[in-house]
PDBML (XML) file of the C-alpha atoms, coordinates in Angstrom:
<?xml version="1.0" encoding="UTF-8" ?>
<PDBx:datablock datablockName="MODEL"
   xmlns:PDBx="http://pdbml.pdb.org/schema/pdbx-v50.xsd"
   xmlns:xsi="http://www.w3.org/2001/XMLSchema-instance"
   xsi:schemaLocation="http://pdbml.pdb.org/schema/pdbx-v50.xsd pdbx-v50.xsd">
   <PDBx:atom_siteCategory>
      <PDBx:atom_site id="1">
         <PDBx:B_iso_or_equiv>0.00</PDBx:B_iso_or_equiv>
         <PDBx:Cartn_x>-137.816</PDBx:Cartn_x>
         <PDBx:Cartn_y>16.836</PDBx:Cartn_y>
         <PDBx:Cartn_z>-106.961</PDBx:Cartn_z>
         <PDBx:auth_asym_id>A</PDBx:auth_asym_id>
         <PDBx:auth_atom_id>CA</PDBx:auth_atom_id>
         <PDBx:auth_comp_id>TRP</PDBx:auth_comp_id>
         <PDBx:auth_seq_id>1</PDBx:auth_seq_id>
         <PDBx:group_PDB>ATOM</PDBx:group_PDB>
         <PDBx:label_alt_id xsi:nil="true" />
         <PDBx:label_asym_id>A</PDBx:label_asym_id>
         <PDBx:label_atom_id>CA</PDBx:label_atom_id>
         <PDBx:label_comp_id>TRP</PDBx:label_comp_id>
         <PDBx:label_entity_id>1</PDBx:label_entity_id>
         <PDBx:label_seq_id>1</PDBx:label_seq_id>
         <PDBx:occupancy>1.00</PDBx:occupancy>
         <PDBx:pdbx_PDB_model_num>1</PDBx:pdbx_PDB_model_num>
         <PDBx:type_symbol>C</PDBx:type_symbol>
      </PDBx:atom_site>
      <PDBx:atom_site id="2">
         <PDBx:B_iso_or_equiv>0.00</PDBx:B_iso_or_equiv>
         <PDBx:Cartn_x>-140.680</PDBx:Cartn_x>
         <PDBx:Cartn_y>16.711</PDBx:Cartn_y>
         <PDBx:Cartn_z>-109.120</PDBx:Cartn_z>
         <PDBx:auth_asym_id>A</PDBx:auth_asym_id>
         <PDBx:auth_atom_id>CA</PDBx:auth_atom_id>
         <PDBx:auth_comp_id>ILE</PDBx:auth_comp_id>
         <PDBx:auth_seq_id>2</PDBx:auth_seq_id>
         <PDBx:group_PDB>ATOM</PDBx:group_PDB>
         <PDBx:label_alt_id xsi:nil="true" />
         <PDBx:label_asym_id>A</PDBx:label_asym_id>
         <PDBx:label_atom_id>CA</PDBx:label_atom_id>
         <PDBx:label_comp_id>ILE</PDBx:label_comp_id>
         <PDBx:label_entity_id>1</PDBx:label_entity_id>
         <PDBx:label_seq_id>2</PDBx:label_seq_id>
         <PDBx:occupancy>1.00</PDBx:occupancy>
         <PDBx:pdbx_PDB_model_num>1</PDBx:pdbx_PDB_model_num>
         <PDBx:type_symbol>C</PDBx:type_symbol>
      </PDBx:atom_site>
      <PDBx:atom_site id="3">
         <PDBx:B_iso_or_equiv>0.00</PDBx:B_iso_or_equiv>
         <PDBx:Cartn_x>-144.155</PDBx:Cartn_x>
         <PDBx:Cartn_y>18.400</PDBx:Cartn_y>
         <PDBx:Cartn_z>-109.083</PDBx:Cartn_z>
         <PDBx:auth_asym_id>A</PDBx:auth_asym_id>
         <PDBx:auth_atom_id>CA</PDBx:auth_atom_id>
         <PDBx:auth_comp_id>ASN</PDBx:auth_comp_id>
         <PDBx:auth_seq_id>3</PDBx:auth_seq_id>
         <PDBx:group_PDB>ATOM</PDBx:group_PDB>
         <PDBx:label_alt_id xsi:nil="true" />
         <PDBx:label_asym_id>A</PDBx:label_asym_id>
         <PDBx:label_atom_id>CA</PDBx:label_atom_id>
         <PDBx:label_comp_id>ASN</PDBx:label_comp_id>
         <PDBx:label_entity_id>1</PDBx:label_entity_id>
         <PDBx:label_seq_id>3</PDBx:label_seq_id>
         <PDBx:occupancy>1.00</PDBx:occupancy>
         <PDBx:pdbx_PDB_model_num>1</PDBx:pdbx_PDB_model_num>
         <PDBx:type_symbol>C</PDBx:type_symbol>
      </PDBx:atom_site>
      <PDBx:atom_site id="4">
         <PDBx:B_iso_or_equiv>0.00</PDBx:B_iso_or_equiv>
         <PDBx:Cartn_x>-147.187</PDBx:Cartn_x>
         <PDBx:Cartn_y>16.607</PDBx:Cartn_y>
         <PDBx:Cartn_z>-110.733</PDBx:Cartn_z>
         <PDBx:auth_asym_id>A</PDBx:auth_asym_id>
         <PDBx:auth_atom_id>CA</PDBx:auth_atom_id>
         <PDBx:auth_comp_id>GLN</PDBx:auth_comp_id>
         <PDBx:auth_seq_id>4</PDBx:auth_seq_id>
         <PDBx:group_PDB>ATOM</PDBx:group_PDB>
         <PDBx:label_alt_id xsi:nil="true" />
         <PDBx:label_asym_id>A</PDBx:label_asym_id>
         <PDBx:label_atom_id>CA</PDBx:label_atom_id>
         <PDBx:label_comp_id>GLN</PDBx:label_comp_id>
         <PDBx:label_entity_id>1</PDBx:label_entity_id>
         <PDBx:label_seq_id>4</PDBx:label_seq_id>
         <PDBx:occupancy>1.00</PDBx:occupancy>
         <PDBx:pdbx_PDB_model_num>1</PDBx:pdbx_PDB_model_num>
         <PDBx:type_symbol>C</PDBx:type_symbol>
      </PDBx:atom_site>
      <PDBx:atom_site id="5">
         <PDBx:B_iso_or_equiv>0.00</PDBx:B_iso_or_equiv>
         <PDBx:Cartn_x>-150.541</PDBx:Cartn_x>
         <PDBx:Cartn_y>17.265</PDBx:Cartn_y>
         <PDBx:Cartn_z>-110.152</PDBx:Cartn_z>
         <PDBx:auth_asym_id>A</PDBx:auth_asym_id>
         <PDBx:auth_atom_id>CA</PDBx:auth_atom_id>
         <PDBx:auth_comp_id>ASN</PDBx:auth_comp_id>
         <PDBx:auth_seq_id>5</PDBx:auth_seq_id>
         <PDBx:group_PDB>ATOM</PDBx:group_PDB>
         <PDBx:label_alt_id xsi:nil="true" />
         <PDBx:label_asym_id>A</PDBx:label_asym_id>
         <PDBx:label_atom_id>CA</PDBx:label_atom_id>
         <PDBx:label_comp_id>ASN</PDBx:label_comp_id>
         <PDBx:label_entity_id>1</PDBx:label_entity_id>
         <PDBx:label_seq_id>5</PDBx:label_seq_id>
         <PDBx:occupancy>1.00</PDBx:occupancy>
         <PDBx:pdbx_PDB_model_num>1</PDBx:pdbx_PDB_model_num>
         <PDBx:type_symbol>C</PDBx:type_symbol>
      </PDBx:atom_site>
      <PDBx:atom_site id="6">
         <PDBx:B_iso_or_equiv>0.00</PDBx:B_iso_or_equiv>
         <PDBx:Cartn_x>-149.586</PDBx:Cartn_x>
         <PDBx:Cartn_y>19.615</PDBx:Cartn_y>
         <PDBx:Cartn_z>-107.435</PDBx:Cartn_z>
         <PDBx:auth_asym_id>A</PDBx:auth_asym_id>
         <PDBx:auth_atom_id>CA</PDBx:auth_atom_id>
         <PDBx:auth_comp_id>ASN</PDBx:auth_comp_id>
         <PDBx:auth_seq_id>6</PDBx:auth_seq_id>
         <PDBx:group_PDB>ATOM</PDBx:group_PDB>
         <PDBx:label_alt_id xsi:nil="true" />
         <PDBx:label_asym_id>A</PDBx:label_asym_id>
         <PDBx:label_atom_id>CA</PDBx:label_atom_id>
         <PDBx:label_comp_id>ASN</PDBx:label_comp_id>
         <PDBx:label_entity_id>1</PDBx:label_entity_id>
         <PDBx:label_seq_id>6</PDBx:label_seq_id>
         <PDBx:occupancy>1.00</PDBx:occupancy>
         <PDBx:pdbx_PDB_model_num>1</PDBx:pdbx_PDB_model_num>
         <PDBx:type_symbol>C</PDBx:type_symbol>
      </PDBx:atom_site>
      <PDBx:atom_site id="7">
         <PDBx:B_iso_or_equiv>0.00</PDBx:B_iso_or_equiv>
         <PDBx:Cartn_x>-147.948</PDBx:Cartn_x>
         <PDBx:Cartn_y>16.394</PDBx:Cartn_y>
         <PDBx:Cartn_z>-105.455</PDBx:Cartn_z>
         <PDBx:auth_asym_id>A</PDBx:auth_asym_id>
         <PDBx:auth_atom_id>CA</PDBx:auth_atom_id>
         <PDBx:auth_comp_id>LYS</PDBx:auth_comp_id>
         <PDBx:auth_seq_id>7</PDBx:auth_seq_id>
         <PDBx:group_PDB>ATOM</PDBx:group_PDB>
         <PDBx:label_alt_id xsi:nil="true" />
         <PDBx:label_asym_id>A</PDBx:label_asym_id>
         <PDBx:label_atom_id>CA</PDBx:label_atom_id>
         <PDBx:label_comp_id>LYS</PDBx:label_comp_id>
         <PDBx:label_entity_id>1</PDBx:label_entity_id>
         <PDBx:label_seq_id>7</PDBx:label_seq_id>
         <PDBx:occupancy>1.00</PDBx:occupancy>
         <PDBx:pdbx_PDB_model_num>1</PDBx:pdbx_PDB_model_num>
         <PDBx:type_symbol>C</PDBx:type_symbol>
      </PDBx:atom_site>
      <PDBx:atom_site id="8">
         <PDBx:B_iso_or_equiv>0.00</PDBx:B_iso_or_equiv>
         <PDBx:Cartn_x>-144.421</PDBx:Cartn_x>
         <PDBx:Cartn_y>16.483</PDBx:Cartn_y>
         <PDBx:Cartn_z>-104.308</PDBx:Cartn_z>
         <PDBx:auth_asym_id>A</PDBx:auth_asym_id>
         <PDBx:auth_atom_id>CA</PDBx:auth_atom_id>
         <PDBx:auth_comp_id>TRP</PDBx:auth_comp_id>
         <PDBx:auth_seq_id>8</PDBx:auth_seq_id>
         <PDBx:group_PDB>ATOM</PDBx:group_PDB>
         <PDBx:label_alt_id xsi:nil="true" />
         <PDBx:label_asym_id>A</PDBx:label_asym_id>
         <PDBx:label_atom_id>CA</PDBx:label_atom_id>
         <PDBx:label_comp_id>TRP</PDBx:label_comp_id>
         <PDBx:label_entity_id>1</PDBx:label_entity_id>
         <PDBx:label_seq_id>8</PDBx:label_seq_id>
         <PDBx:occupancy>1.00</PDBx:occupancy>
         <PDBx:pdbx_PDB_model_num>1</PDBx:pdbx_PDB_model_num>
         <PDBx:type_symbol>C</PDBx:type_symbol>
      </PDBx:atom_site>
      <PDBx:atom_site id="9">
         <PDBx:B_iso_or_equiv>0.00</PDBx:B_iso_or_equiv>
         <PDBx:Cartn_x>-141.980</PDBx:Cartn_x>
         <PDBx:Cartn_y>13.482</PDBx:Cartn_y>
         <PDBx:Cartn_z>-105.611</PDBx:Cartn_z>
         <PDBx:auth_asym_id>A</PDBx:auth_asym_id>
         <PDBx:auth_atom_id>CA</PDBx:auth_atom_id>
         <PDBx:auth_comp_id>TYR</PDBx:auth_comp_id>
         <PDBx:auth_seq_id>9</PDBx:auth_seq_id>
         <PDBx:group_PDB>ATOM</PDBx:group_PDB>
         <PDBx:label_alt_id xsi:nil="true" />
         <PDBx:label_asym_id>A</PDBx:label_asym_id>
         <PDBx:label_atom_id>CA</PDBx:label_atom_id>
         <PDBx:label_comp_id>TYR</PDBx:label_comp_id>
         <PDBx:label_entity_id>1</PDBx:label_entity_id>
         <PDBx:label_seq_id>9</PDBx:label_seq_id>
         <PDBx:occupancy>1.00</PDBx:occupancy>
         <PDBx:pdbx_PDB_model_num>1</PDBx:pdbx_PDB_model_num>
         <PDBx:type_symbol>C</PDBx:type_symbol>
      </PDBx:atom_site>
      <PDBx:atom_site id="10">
         <PDBx:B_iso_or_equiv>0.00</PDBx:B_iso_or_equiv>
         <PDBx:Cartn_x>-138.038</PDBx:Cartn_x>
         <PDBx:Cartn_y>12.989</PDBx:Cartn_y>
         <PDBx:Cartn_z>-105.368</PDBx:Cartn_z>
         <PDBx:auth_asym_id>A</PDBx:auth_asym_id>
         <PDBx:auth_atom_id>CA</PDBx:auth_atom_id>
         <PDBx:auth_comp_id>TYR</PDBx:auth_comp_id>
         <PDBx:auth_seq_id>10</PDBx:auth_seq_id>
         <PDBx:group_PDB>ATOM</PDBx:group_PDB>
         <PDBx:label_alt_id xsi:nil="true" />
         <PDBx:label_asym_id>A</PDBx:label_asym_id>
         <PDBx:label_atom_id>CA</PDBx:label_atom_id>
         <PDBx:label_comp_id>TYR</PDBx:label_comp_id>
         <PDBx:label_entity_id>1</PDBx:label_entity_id>
         <PDBx:label_seq_id>10</PDBx:label_seq_id>
         <PDBx:occupancy>1.00</PDBx:occupancy>
         <PDBx:pdbx_PDB_model_num>1</PDBx:pdbx_PDB_model_num>
         <PDBx:type_symbol>C</PDBx:type_symbol>
      </PDBx:atom_site>
      <PDBx:atom_site id="11">
         <PDBx:B_iso_or_equiv>0.00</PDBx:B_iso_or_equiv>
         <PDBx:Cartn_x>-136.697</PDBx:Cartn_x>
         <PDBx:Cartn_y>11.227</PDBx:Cartn_y>
         <PDBx:Cartn_z>-107.781</PDBx:Cartn_z>
         <PDBx:auth_asym_id>A</PDBx:auth_asym_id>
         <PDBx:auth_atom_id>CA</PDBx:auth_atom_id>
         <PDBx:auth_comp_id>LEU</PDBx:auth_comp_id>
         <PDBx:auth_seq_id>11</PDBx:auth_seq_id>
         <PDBx:group_PDB>ATOM</PDBx:group_PDB>
         <PDBx:label_alt_id xsi:nil="true" />
         <PDBx:label_asym_id>A</PDBx:label_asym_id>
         <PDBx:label_atom_id>CA</PDBx:label_atom_id>
         <PDBx:label_comp_id>LEU</PDBx:label_comp_id>
         <PDBx:label_entity_id>1</PDBx:label_entity_id>
         <PDBx:label_seq_id>11</PDBx:label_seq_id>
         <PDBx:occupancy>1.00</PDBx:occupancy>
         <PDBx:pdbx_PDB_model_num>1</PDBx:pdbx_PDB_model_num>
         <PDBx:type_symbol>C</PDBx:type_symbol>
      </PDBx:atom_site>
      <PDBx:atom_site id="12">
         <PDBx:B_iso_or_equiv>0.00</PDBx:B_iso_or_equiv>
         <PDBx:Cartn_x>-133.330</PDBx:Cartn_x>
         <PDBx:Cartn_y>9.169</PDBx:Cartn_y>
         <PDBx:Cartn_z>-107.619</PDBx:Cartn_z>
         <PDBx:auth_asym_id>A</PDBx:auth_asym_id>
         <PDBx:auth_atom_id>CA</PDBx:auth_atom_id>
         <PDBx:auth_comp_id>GLN</PDBx:auth_comp_id>
         <PDBx:auth_seq_id>12</PDBx:auth_seq_id>
         <PDBx:group_PDB>ATOM</PDBx:group_PDB>
         <PDBx:label_alt_id xsi:nil="true" />
         <PDBx:label_asym_id>A</PDBx:label_asym_id>
         <PDBx:label_atom_id>CA</PDBx:label_atom_id>
         <PDBx:label_comp_id>GLN</PDBx:label_comp_id>
         <PDBx:label_entity_id>1</PDBx:label_entity_id>
         <PDBx:label_seq_id>12</PDBx:label_seq_id>
         <PDBx:occupancy>1.00</PDBx:occupancy>
         <PDBx:pdbx_PDB_model_num>1</PDBx:pdbx_PDB_model_num>
         <PDBx:type_symbol>C</PDBx:type_symbol>
      </PDBx:atom_site>
      <PDBx:atom_site id="13">
         <PDBx:B_iso_or_equiv>0.00</PDBx:B_iso_or_equiv>
         <PDBx:Cartn_x>-130.634</PDBx:Cartn_x>
         <PDBx:Cartn_y>8.428</PDBx:Cartn_y>
         <PDBx:Cartn_z>-109.586</PDBx:Cartn_z>
         <PDBx:auth_asym_id>A</PDBx:auth_asym_id>
         <PDBx:auth_atom_id>CA</PDBx:auth_atom_id>
         <PDBx:auth_comp_id>ASN</PDBx:auth_comp_id>
         <PDBx:auth_seq_id>13</PDBx:auth_seq_id>
         <PDBx:group_PDB>ATOM</PDBx:group_PDB>
         <PDBx:label_alt_id xsi:nil="true" />
         <PDBx:label_asym_id>A</PDBx:label_asym_id>
         <PDBx:label_atom_id>CA</PDBx:label_atom_id>
         <PDBx:label_comp_id>ASN</PDBx:label_comp_id>
         <PDBx:label_entity_id>1</PDBx:label_entity_id>
         <PDBx:label_seq_id>13</PDBx:label_seq_id>
         <PDBx:occupancy>1.00</PDBx:occupancy>
         <PDBx:pdbx_PDB_model_num>1</PDBx:pdbx_PDB_model_num>
         <PDBx:type_symbol>C</PDBx:type_symbol>
      </PDBx:atom_site>
      <PDBx:atom_site id="14">
         <PDBx:B_iso_or_equiv>0.00</PDBx:B_iso_or_equiv>
         <PDBx:Cartn_x>-132.184</PDBx:Cartn_x>
         <PDBx:Cartn_y>5.158</PDBx:Cartn_y>
         <PDBx:Cartn_z>-110.411</PDBx:Cartn_z>
         <PDBx:auth_asym_id>A</PDBx:auth_asym_id>
         <PDBx:auth_atom_id>CA</PDBx:auth_atom_id>
         <PDBx:auth_comp_id>ASP</PDBx:auth_comp_id>
         <PDBx:auth_seq_id>14</PDBx:auth_seq_id>
         <PDBx:group_PDB>ATOM</PDBx:group_PDB>
         <PDBx:label_alt_id xsi:nil="true" />
         <PDBx:label_asym_id>A</PDBx:label_asym_id>
         <PDBx:label_atom_id>CA</PDBx:label_atom_id>
         <PDBx:label_comp_id>ASP</PDBx:label_comp_id>
         <PDBx:label_entity_id>1</PDBx:label_entity_id>
         <PDBx:label_seq_id>14</PDBx:label_seq_id>
         <PDBx:occupancy>1.00</PDBx:occupancy>
         <PDBx:pdbx_PDB_model_num>1</PDBx:pdbx_PDB_model_num>
         <PDBx:type_symbol>C</PDBx:type_symbol>
      </PDBx:atom_site>
      <PDBx:atom_site id="15">
         <PDBx:B_iso_or_equiv>0.00</PDBx:B_iso_or_equiv>
         <PDBx:Cartn_x>-134.767</PDBx:Cartn_x>
         <PDBx:Cartn_y>6.335</PDBx:Cartn_y>
         <PDBx:Cartn_z>-111.971</PDBx:Cartn_z>
         <PDBx:auth_asym_id>A</PDBx:auth_asym_id>
         <PDBx:auth_atom_id>CA</PDBx:auth_atom_id>
         <PDBx:auth_comp_id>GLY</PDBx:auth_comp_id>
         <PDBx:auth_seq_id>15</PDBx:auth_seq_id>
         <PDBx:group_PDB>ATOM</PDBx:group_PDB>
         <PDBx:label_alt_id xsi:nil="true" />
         <PDBx:label_asym_id>A</PDBx:label_asym_id>
         <PDBx:label_atom_id>CA</PDBx:label_atom_id>
         <PDBx:label_comp_id>GLY</PDBx:label_comp_id>
         <PDBx:label_entity_id>1</PDBx:label_entity_id>
         <PDBx:label_seq_id>15</PDBx:label_seq_id>
         <PDBx:occupancy>1.00</PDBx:occupancy>
         <PDBx:pdbx_PDB_model_num>1</PDBx:pdbx_PDB_model_num>
         <PDBx:type_symbol>C</PDBx:type_symbol>
      </PDBx:atom_site>
      <PDBx:atom_site id="16">
         <PDBx:B_iso_or_equiv>0.00</PDBx:B_iso_or_equiv>
         <PDBx:Cartn_x>-137.476</PDBx:Cartn_x>
         <PDBx:Cartn_y>5.204</PDBx:Cartn_y>
         <PDBx:Cartn_z>-109.147</PDBx:Cartn_z>
         <PDBx:auth_asym_id>A</PDBx:auth_asym_id>
         <PDBx:auth_atom_id>CA</PDBx:auth_atom_id>
         <PDBx:auth_comp_id>THR</PDBx:auth_comp_id>
         <PDBx:auth_seq_id>16</PDBx:auth_seq_id>
         <PDBx:group_PDB>ATOM</PDBx:group_PDB>
         <PDBx:label_alt_id xsi:nil="true" />
         <PDBx:label_asym_id>A</PDBx:label_asym_id>
         <PDBx:label_atom_id>CA</PDBx:label_atom_id>
         <PDBx:label_comp_id>THR</PDBx:label_comp_id>
         <PDBx:label_entity_id>1</PDBx:label_entity_id>
         <PDBx:label_seq_id>16</PDBx:label_seq_id>
         <PDBx:occupancy>1.00</PDBx:occupancy>
         <PDBx:pdbx_PDB_model_num>1</PDBx:pdbx_PDB_model_num>
         <PDBx:type_symbol>C</PDBx:type_symbol>
      </PDBx:atom_site>
      <PDBx:atom_site id="17">
         <PDBx:B_iso_or_equiv>0.00</PDBx:B_iso_or_equiv>
         <PDBx:Cartn_x>-139.789</PDBx:Cartn_x>
         <PDBx:Cartn_y>7.391</PDBx:Cartn_y>
         <PDBx:Cartn_z>-106.812</PDBx:Cartn_z>
         <PDBx:auth_asym_id>A</PDBx:auth_asym_id>
         <PDBx:auth_atom_id>CA</PDBx:auth_atom_id>
         <PDBx:auth_comp_id>TYR</PDBx:auth_comp_id>
         <PDBx:auth_seq_id>17</PDBx:auth_seq_id>
         <PDBx:group_PDB>ATOM</PDBx:group_PDB>
         <PDBx:label_alt_id xsi:nil="true" />
         <PDBx:label_asym_id>A</PDBx:label_asym_id>
         <PDBx:label_atom_id>CA</PDBx:label_atom_id>
         <PDBx:label_comp_id>TYR</PDBx:label_comp_id>
         <PDBx:label_entity_id>1</PDBx:label_entity_id>
         <PDBx:label_seq_id>17</PDBx:label_seq_id>
         <PDBx:occupancy>1.00</PDBx:occupancy>
         <PDBx:pdbx_PDB_model_num>1</PDBx:pdbx_PDB_model_num>
         <PDBx:type_symbol>C</PDBx:type_symbol>
      </PDBx:atom_site>
      <PDBx:atom_site id="18">
         <PDBx:B_iso_or_equiv>0.00</PDBx:B_iso_or_equiv>
         <PDBx:Cartn_x>-138.491</PDBx:Cartn_x>
         <PDBx:Cartn_y>7.857</PDBx:Cartn_y>
         <PDBx:Cartn_z>-103.182</PDBx:Cartn_z>
         <PDBx:auth_asym_id>A</PDBx:auth_asym_id>
         <PDBx:auth_atom_id>CA</PDBx:auth_atom_id>
         <PDBx:auth_comp_id>LYS</PDBx:auth_comp_id>
         <PDBx:auth_seq_id>18</PDBx:auth_seq_id>
         <PDBx:group_PDB>ATOM</PDBx:group_PDB>
         <PDBx:label_alt_id xsi:nil="true" />
         <PDBx:label_asym_id>A</PDBx:label_asym_id>
         <PDBx:label_atom_id>CA</PDBx:label_atom_id>
         <PDBx:label_comp_id>LYS</PDBx:label_comp_id>
         <PDBx:label_entity_id>1</PDBx:label_entity_id>
         <PDBx:label_seq_id>18</PDBx:label_seq_id>
         <PDBx:occupancy>1.00</PDBx:occupancy>
         <PDBx:pdbx_PDB_model_num>1</PDBx:pdbx_PDB_model_num>
         <PDBx:type_symbol>C</PDBx:type_symbol>
      </PDBx:atom_site>
      <PDBx:atom_site id="19">
         <PDBx:B_iso_or_equiv>0.00</PDBx:B_iso_or_equiv>
         <PDBx:Cartn_x>-141.476</PDBx:Cartn_x>
         <PDBx:Cartn_y>5.720</PDBx:Cartn_y>
         <PDBx:Cartn_z>-100.600</PDBx:Cartn_z>
         <PDBx:auth_asym_id>A</PDBx:auth_asym_id>
         <PDBx:auth_atom_id>CA</PDBx:auth_atom_id>
         <PDBx:auth_comp_id>THR</PDBx:auth_comp_id>
         <PDBx:auth_seq_id>19</PDBx:auth_seq_id>
         <PDBx:group_PDB>ATOM</PDBx:group_PDB>
         <PDBx:label_alt_id xsi:nil="true" />
         <PDBx:label_asym_id>A</PDBx:label_asym_id>
         <PDBx:label_atom_id>CA</PDBx:label_atom_id>
         <PDBx:label_comp_id>THR</PDBx:label_comp_id>
         <PDBx:label_entity_id>1</PDBx:label_entity_id>
         <PDBx:label_seq_id>19</PDBx:label_seq_id>
         <PDBx:occupancy>1.00</PDBx:occupancy>
         <PDBx:pdbx_PDB_model_num>1</PDBx:pdbx_PDB_model_num>
         <PDBx:type_symbol>C</PDBx:type_symbol>
      </PDBx:atom_site>
      <PDBx:atom_site id="20">
         <PDBx:B_iso_or_equiv>0.00</PDBx:B_iso_or_equiv>
         <PDBx:Cartn_x>-142.166</PDBx:Cartn_x>
         <PDBx:Cartn_y>5.633</PDBx:Cartn_y>
         <PDBx:Cartn_z>-96.716</PDBx:Cartn_z>
         <PDBx:auth_asym_id>A</PDBx:auth_asym_id>
         <PDBx:auth_atom_id>CA</PDBx:auth_atom_id>
         <PDBx:auth_comp_id>ARG</PDBx:auth_comp_id>
         <PDBx:auth_seq_id>20</PDBx:auth_seq_id>
         <PDBx:group_PDB>ATOM</PDBx:group_PDB>
         <PDBx:label_alt_id xsi:nil="true" />
         <PDBx:label_asym_id>A</PDBx:label_asym_id>
         <PDBx:label_atom_id>CA</PDBx:label_atom_id>
         <PDBx:label_comp_id>ARG</PDBx:label_comp_id>
         <PDBx:label_entity_id>1</PDBx:label_entity_id>
         <PDBx:label_seq_id>20</PDBx:label_seq_id>
         <PDBx:occupancy>1.00</PDBx:occupancy>
         <PDBx:pdbx_PDB_model_num>1</PDBx:pdbx_PDB_model_num>
         <PDBx:type_symbol>C</PDBx:type_symbol>
      </PDBx:atom_site>
      <PDBx:atom_site id="21">
         <PDBx:B_iso_or_equiv>0.00</PDBx:B_iso_or_equiv>
         <PDBx:Cartn_x>-138.914</PDBx:Cartn_x>
         <PDBx:Cartn_y>6.866</PDBx:Cartn_y>
         <PDBx:Cartn_z>-95.790</PDBx:Cartn_z>
         <PDBx:auth_asym_id>A</PDBx:auth_asym_id>
         <PDBx:auth_atom_id>CA</PDBx:auth_atom_id>
         <PDBx:auth_comp_id>SER</PDBx:auth_comp_id>
         <PDBx:auth_seq_id>21</PDBx:auth_seq_id>
         <PDBx:group_PDB>ATOM</PDBx:group_PDB>
         <PDBx:label_alt_id xsi:nil="true" />
         <PDBx:label_asym_id>A</PDBx:label_asym_id>
         <PDBx:label_atom_id>CA</PDBx:label_atom_id>
         <PDBx:label_comp_id>SER</PDBx:label_comp_id>
         <PDBx:label_entity_id>1</PDBx:label_entity_id>
         <PDBx:label_seq_id>21</PDBx:label_seq_id>
         <PDBx:occupancy>1.00</PDBx:occupancy>
         <PDBx:pdbx_PDB_model_num>1</PDBx:pdbx_PDB_model_num>
         <PDBx:type_symbol>C</PDBx:type_symbol>
      </PDBx:atom_site>
      <PDBx:atom_site id="22">
         <PDBx:B_iso_or_equiv>0.00</PDBx:B_iso_or_equiv>
         <PDBx:Cartn_x>-137.618</PDBx:Cartn_x>
         <PDBx:Cartn_y>10.162</PDBx:Cartn_y>
         <PDBx:Cartn_z>-94.676</PDBx:Cartn_z>
         <PDBx:auth_asym_id>A</PDBx:auth_asym_id>
         <PDBx:auth_atom_id>CA</PDBx:auth_atom_id>
         <PDBx:auth_comp_id>TRP</PDBx:auth_comp_id>
         <PDBx:auth_seq_id>22</PDBx:auth_seq_id>
         <PDBx:group_PDB>ATOM</PDBx:group_PDB>
         <PDBx:label_alt_id xsi:nil="true" />
         <PDBx:label_asym_id>A</PDBx:label_asym_id>
         <PDBx:label_atom_id>CA</PDBx:label_atom_id>
         <PDBx:label_comp_id>TRP</PDBx:label_comp_id>
         <PDBx:label_entity_id>1</PDBx:label_entity_id>
         <PDBx:label_seq_id>22</PDBx:label_seq_id>
         <PDBx:occupancy>1.00</PDBx:occupancy>
         <PDBx:pdbx_PDB_model_num>1</PDBx:pdbx_PDB_model_num>
         <PDBx:type_symbol>C</PDBx:type_symbol>
      </PDBx:atom_site>
      <PDBx:atom_site id="23">
         <PDBx:B_iso_or_equiv>0.00</PDBx:B_iso_or_equiv>
         <PDBx:Cartn_x>-135.016</PDBx:Cartn_x>
         <PDBx:Cartn_y>12.774</PDBx:Cartn_y>
         <PDBx:Cartn_z>-96.589</PDBx:Cartn_z>
         <PDBx:auth_asym_id>A</PDBx:auth_asym_id>
         <PDBx:auth_atom_id>CA</PDBx:auth_atom_id>
         <PDBx:auth_comp_id>LEU</PDBx:auth_comp_id>
         <PDBx:auth_seq_id>23</PDBx:auth_seq_id>
         <PDBx:group_PDB>ATOM</PDBx:group_PDB>
         <PDBx:label_alt_id xsi:nil="true" />
         <PDBx:label_asym_id>A</PDBx:label_asym_id>
         <PDBx:label_atom_id>CA</PDBx:label_atom_id>
         <PDBx:label_comp_id>LEU</PDBx:label_comp_id>
         <PDBx:label_entity_id>1</PDBx:label_entity_id>
         <PDBx:label_seq_id>23</PDBx:label_seq_id>
         <PDBx:occupancy>1.00</PDBx:occupancy>
         <PDBx:pdbx_PDB_model_num>1</PDBx:pdbx_PDB_model_num>
         <PDBx:type_symbol>C</PDBx:type_symbol>
      </PDBx:atom_site>
      <PDBx:atom_site id="24">
         <PDBx:B_iso_or_equiv>0.00</PDBx:B_iso_or_equiv>
         <PDBx:Cartn_x>-132.214</PDBx:Cartn_x>
         <PDBx:Cartn_y>15.296</PDBx:Cartn_y>
         <PDBx:Cartn_z>-95.364</PDBx:Cartn_z>
         <PDBx:auth_asym_id>A</PDBx:auth_asym_id>
         <PDBx:auth_atom_id>CA</PDBx:auth_atom_id>
         <PDBx:auth_comp_id>GLN</PDBx:auth_comp_id>
         <PDBx:auth_seq_id>24</PDBx:auth_seq_id>
         <PDBx:group_PDB>ATOM</PDBx:group_PDB>
         <PDBx:label_alt_id xsi:nil="true" />
         <PDBx:label_asym_id>A</PDBx:label_asym_id>
         <PDBx:label_atom_id>CA</PDBx:label_atom_id>
         <PDBx:label_comp_id>GLN</PDBx:label_comp_id>
         <PDBx:label_entity_id>1</PDBx:label_entity_id>
         <PDBx:label_seq_id>24</PDBx:label_seq_id>
         <PDBx:occupancy>1.00</PDBx:occupancy>
         <PDBx:pdbx_PDB_model_num>1</PDBx:pdbx_PDB_model_num>
         <PDBx:type_symbol>C</PDBx:type_symbol>
      </PDBx:atom_site>
   </PDBx:atom_siteCategory>
</PDBx:datablock>
């Protein structure tokens, strides 16, 4: 999990961020 500018993102193993998808 990455917090940038008060927003949370999820950095994946391939170095990209998870987008338009679910995460459990």
